[in-house]
Protein backbone atom coordinates (compact mmCIF):
# COMPACT_ATOMS: atom_id res chain seq x y z
CA UNK A 1 -25.47 28.62 92.48
CA UNK A 2 -28.38 25.62 92.25
CA UNK A 3 -30.73 28.06 90.96
CA UNK A 4 -28.71 29.38 87.97
CA UNK A 5 -27.51 25.55 87.15
CA UNK A 6 -31.26 24.99 87.28
CA UNK A 7 -31.98 27.65 84.62
CA UNK A 8 -29.24 27.12 82.71
CA UNK A 9 -30.98 23.32 82.25
CA UNK A 10 -34.49 24.33 82.01
CA UNK A 11 -33.61 26.93 78.84
CA UNK A 12 -32.68 23.68 76.94
CA UNK A 13 -36.82 23.01 76.85
CA UNK A 14 -37.21 19.61 76.65
CA UNK A 15 -34.42 17.91 74.98
CA UNK A 16 -33.09 14.50 76.44
CA UNK A 17 -30.31 15.85 79.51
CA UNK A 18 -28.56 13.48 81.98
CA UNK A 19 -26.28 14.85 84.91
CA UNK A 20 -23.25 14.01 86.89
CA UNK A 21 -21.27 14.57 89.98
CA UNK A 22 -17.98 16.39 89.77
CA UNK A 23 -15.26 15.41 92.30
CA UNK A 24 -15.21 18.72 93.26
CA UNK A 25 -19.22 18.52 93.56
CA UNK A 26 -20.19 20.28 90.26
CA UNK A 27 -23.11 19.04 87.94
CA UNK A 28 -22.10 17.91 84.34
CA UNK A 29 -24.92 17.74 82.27
CA UNK A 30 -25.38 16.37 79.20
CA UNK A 31 -27.85 17.53 76.72
CA UNK A 32 -29.33 15.23 74.01
CA UNK A 33 -30.42 17.15 70.24
CA UNK A 34 -29.53 14.54 67.76
CA UNK A 35 -27.32 13.00 65.68
CA UNK A 36 -23.88 14.56 66.28
CA UNK A 37 -25.12 17.58 67.89
CA UNK A 38 -25.20 17.89 71.85
CA UNK A 39 -23.96 20.05 74.57
CA UNK A 40 -21.82 19.88 77.98
CA UNK A 41 -22.79 22.47 79.81
CA UNK A 42 -21.02 22.66 83.33
CA UNK A 43 -20.79 25.56 86.81
CA UNK A 44 -22.63 27.84 84.64
CA UNK A 45 -20.49 27.09 81.03
CA UNK A 46 -22.11 25.87 77.97
CA UNK A 47 -19.52 23.88 75.29
CA UNK A 48 -21.75 22.91 72.12
CA UNK A 49 -20.30 20.00 70.21
CA UNK A 50 -21.30 19.91 66.19
CA UNK A 51 -24.55 22.54 67.02
CA UNK A 52 -26.18 21.94 63.63
CA UNK A 53 -29.81 23.58 63.07
CA UNK A 54 -31.59 20.66 61.41
CA UNK A 55 -31.35 18.98 65.14
CA UNK A 56 -32.79 21.50 67.19
CA UNK A 57 -34.16 24.54 67.65
CA UNK A 58 -31.10 26.96 68.71
CA UNK A 59 -32.61 30.44 69.28
CA UNK A 60 -33.59 30.16 72.84
CA UNK A 61 -30.41 28.50 74.11
CA UNK A 62 -27.85 29.67 76.04
CA UNK A 63 -24.65 31.40 73.80
CA UNK A 64 -21.73 29.19 74.15
CA UNK A 65 -18.63 29.69 76.09
CA UNK A 66 -16.95 27.48 73.32
CA UNK A 67 -17.79 25.61 70.50
CA UNK A 68 -16.12 22.34 69.50
CA UNK A 69 -16.45 21.66 65.71
CA UNK A 70 -15.02 18.43 64.54
CA UNK A 71 -15.29 18.95 60.36
CA UNK A 72 -16.81 20.22 58.05
CA UNK A 73 -19.11 17.86 56.92
CA UNK A 74 -22.48 19.66 56.26
CA UNK A 75 -24.27 17.35 59.24
CA UNK A 76 -22.12 18.49 62.01
CA UNK A 77 -20.96 22.32 60.58
CA UNK A 78 -24.03 24.93 60.40
CA UNK A 79 -22.06 28.19 60.00
CA UNK A 80 -25.26 29.84 61.18
CA UNK A 81 -25.42 28.63 64.44
CA UNK A 82 -22.16 29.00 65.31
CA UNK A 83 -23.00 32.95 64.29
CA UNK A 84 -26.16 32.70 66.64
CA UNK A 85 -24.56 30.57 69.68
CA UNK A 86 -21.34 32.76 69.06
CA UNK A 87 -21.21 35.72 71.76
CA UNK A 88 -18.13 37.92 72.70
CA UNK A 89 -15.59 35.98 73.86
CA UNK A 90 -16.85 32.89 72.42
CA UNK A 91 -13.97 30.17 71.99
CA UNK A 92 -14.87 28.63 68.61
CA UNK A 93 -12.25 25.43 67.94
CA UNK A 94 -12.14 22.65 65.14
CA UNK A 95 -9.67 22.25 62.38
CA UNK A 96 -7.74 23.90 59.83
CA UNK A 97 -10.17 23.07 56.77
CA UNK A 98 -12.90 24.48 58.86
CA UNK A 99 -10.74 27.72 59.66
CA UNK A 100 -10.94 28.05 55.92
CA UNK A 101 -14.59 28.53 55.80
CA UNK A 102 -15.58 30.67 59.17
CA UNK A 103 -13.49 33.23 60.48
CA UNK A 104 -12.41 33.21 63.86
CA UNK A 105 -11.53 29.39 64.18
CA UNK A 106 -9.26 28.76 67.07
CA UNK A 107 -6.96 25.98 64.99
CA UNK A 108 -6.70 22.66 66.85
CA UNK A 109 -4.50 20.26 65.08
CA UNK A 110 -4.09 16.19 66.13
CA UNK A 111 -2.40 15.87 69.01
CA UNK A 112 -2.86 19.37 70.10
CA UNK A 113 -4.32 20.19 73.13
CA UNK A 114 -4.86 24.02 74.48
CA UNK A 115 -6.77 25.31 77.78
CA UNK A 116 -9.93 27.48 77.52
CA UNK A 117 -9.95 29.68 80.46
CA UNK A 118 -9.30 28.69 83.33
CA UNK A 119 -11.56 25.78 83.63
CA UNK A 120 -11.24 23.56 80.55
CA UNK A 121 -8.45 21.79 78.76
CA UNK A 122 -9.29 21.18 75.07
CA UNK A 123 -7.20 18.20 73.31
CA UNK A 124 -8.08 16.79 69.54
CA UNK A 125 -7.54 13.85 68.84
CA UNK A 126 -7.21 12.06 65.11
CA UNK A 127 -10.95 11.45 63.60
CA UNK A 128 -10.91 9.09 60.52
CA UNK A 129 -11.81 5.56 58.24
CA UNK A 130 -9.40 3.20 58.58
CA UNK A 131 -11.41 0.58 56.38
CA UNK A 132 -9.92 0.22 53.46
CA UNK A 133 -12.68 1.81 50.64
CA UNK A 134 -14.11 4.08 53.14
CA UNK A 135 -10.95 6.62 53.60
CA UNK A 136 -12.90 8.72 50.76
CA UNK A 137 -15.66 9.97 53.58
CA UNK A 138 -12.77 10.65 56.61
CA UNK A 139 -9.65 10.93 55.62
CA UNK A 140 -6.61 11.01 57.71
CA UNK A 141 -4.93 14.13 59.52
CA UNK A 142 -8.31 16.38 58.12
CA UNK A 143 -10.71 15.44 61.23
CA UNK A 144 -10.88 16.11 64.77
CA UNK A 145 -11.90 13.92 67.83
CA UNK A 146 -12.11 16.17 70.94
CA UNK A 147 -11.31 15.04 74.58
CA UNK A 148 -12.55 17.42 76.59
CA UNK A 149 -11.26 17.81 80.49
CA UNK A 150 -13.50 19.52 83.49
CA UNK A 151 -12.82 19.28 86.89
CA UNK A 152 -10.32 16.23 86.46
CA UNK A 153 -13.58 14.15 84.25
CA UNK A 154 -12.33 13.32 81.00
CA UNK A 155 -14.96 13.33 78.22
CA UNK A 156 -14.06 11.99 74.89
CA UNK A 157 -16.05 12.65 71.92
CA UNK A 158 -14.85 10.75 68.94
CA UNK A 159 -16.15 12.66 65.69
CA UNK A 160 -16.40 10.74 62.18
CA UNK A 161 -14.14 7.95 63.19
CA UNK A 162 -13.34 4.42 63.19
CA UNK A 163 -10.79 2.91 65.41
CA UNK A 164 -7.65 4.26 64.67
CA UNK A 165 -4.08 3.68 66.07
CA UNK A 166 -4.08 7.50 67.70
CA UNK A 167 -7.11 6.07 70.20
CA UNK A 168 -5.41 3.28 71.32
CA UNK A 169 -2.94 6.10 73.23
CA UNK A 170 -5.90 7.20 74.60
CA UNK A 171 -6.07 7.12 78.47
CA UNK A 172 -8.63 7.35 81.51
CA UNK A 173 -11.58 8.18 79.63
CA UNK A 174 -14.51 8.52 81.99
CA UNK A 175 -17.81 9.64 79.34
CA UNK A 176 -17.17 8.50 76.07
CA UNK A 177 -18.72 9.34 72.35
CA UNK A 178 -18.09 6.62 69.80
CA UNK A 179 -20.63 7.51 66.85
CA UNK A 180 -21.87 4.34 65.01
CA UNK A 181 -23.41 5.55 62.05
CA UNK A 182 -23.42 2.83 59.13
CA UNK A 183 -21.71 2.78 57.08
CA UNK A 184 -19.73 5.80 58.16
CA UNK A 185 -18.18 5.08 60.72
CA UNK A 186 -17.61 2.32 63.70
CA UNK A 187 -19.65 -1.03 63.30
CA UNK A 188 -20.83 -1.99 67.04
CA UNK A 189 -17.97 -4.48 66.84
CA UNK A 190 -15.42 -1.87 66.12
CA UNK A 191 -17.51 -0.04 68.99
CA UNK A 192 -17.64 -2.50 71.79
CA UNK A 193 -13.56 -2.91 70.71
CA UNK A 194 -13.16 0.40 71.38
CA UNK A 195 -15.24 0.64 74.87
CA UNK A 196 -13.70 -2.32 75.94
CA UNK A 197 -10.38 -1.50 76.05
CA UNK A 198 -11.10 2.00 77.60
CA UNK A 199 -13.18 1.19 79.72
CA UNK A 200 -15.38 4.39 80.73
CA UNK A 201 -17.95 4.44 82.90
CA UNK A 202 -20.38 5.81 80.85
CA UNK A 203 -20.72 4.84 76.87
CA UNK A 204 -22.64 6.85 74.37
CA UNK A 205 -23.45 5.58 70.82
CA UNK A 206 -24.30 8.62 68.87
CA UNK A 207 -24.68 10.30 65.51
CA UNK A 208 -26.41 6.89 64.29
CA UNK A 209 -30.17 6.22 62.42
CA UNK A 210 -30.01 8.44 59.52
CA UNK A 211 -29.60 5.79 57.08
CA UNK A 212 -30.20 2.90 55.38
CA UNK A 213 -28.35 0.11 57.01
CA UNK A 214 -29.41 0.67 61.18
CA UNK A 215 -26.97 0.20 63.84
CA UNK A 216 -28.34 -2.97 65.71
CA UNK A 217 -28.03 -1.21 69.18
CA UNK A 218 -28.93 -3.89 71.39
CA UNK A 219 -26.00 -5.92 69.69
CA UNK A 220 -23.67 -3.73 70.72
CA UNK A 221 -24.74 -3.45 74.38
CA UNK A 222 -24.25 -7.44 73.92
CA UNK A 223 -20.84 -6.11 72.82
CA UNK A 224 -19.88 -4.11 75.70
CA UNK A 225 -18.42 -5.12 78.82
CA UNK A 226 -21.21 -4.31 81.61
CA UNK A 227 -19.07 -5.11 84.45
CA UNK A 228 -16.96 -2.19 83.30
CA UNK A 229 -18.82 0.37 81.69
CA UNK A 230 -22.43 1.82 81.47
CA UNK A 231 -24.07 2.16 78.22
CA UNK A 232 -26.34 4.87 77.54
CA UNK A 233 -28.57 5.25 74.41
CA UNK A 234 -30.75 8.44 74.29
CA UNK A 235 -31.91 9.91 71.07
CA UNK A 236 -28.80 10.97 68.54
CA UNK A 237 -30.86 9.87 65.52
């Protein structure tokens, strides 16, 4: 088993990764590609989040057991990469609007939940802008964030969103990914407010750095309650 896990991780090449141990002693890893694209690896299963070819060379990577796409913007949806990573049995989860563009999508609307086999639960959480004037970027009701549950560990990936009323109902998050891309998603102050409310074990700011308005990571780190949450910054530019 260990050799299979090591082989899977080696297939991701030199991309940064972090690994943890689940309650039943299995390995849970995050592999970081860039921007909004990363992978979750668990018990020989591979889940890709918003895989986009501009962020990584997926040609030699493991095929997907599941692909989760938050919305249809070009930095989140890459139809060619989705096709490249798909195999028989791959579960592709996304929104109704993405399903209009891509065949084979299992649609999850905001608030809906599904089981993927007997190994993963996926819940769609509303993702949208709440600051007046920003709603043109990500309007309410269209896009998803996701809560992924693996062996009891809950991973919340916000997608392109600011703090929303729906986020206030999210509970018991172990690993939190918040998009902090200025001026389209969360500011450091907004992100810290969510982190300090949800109090995950680990917080990963992601989806940042490719606009003129840079996110101040040091400022964000100062705002996060380090006694409750460990903040980790990885190469997600």
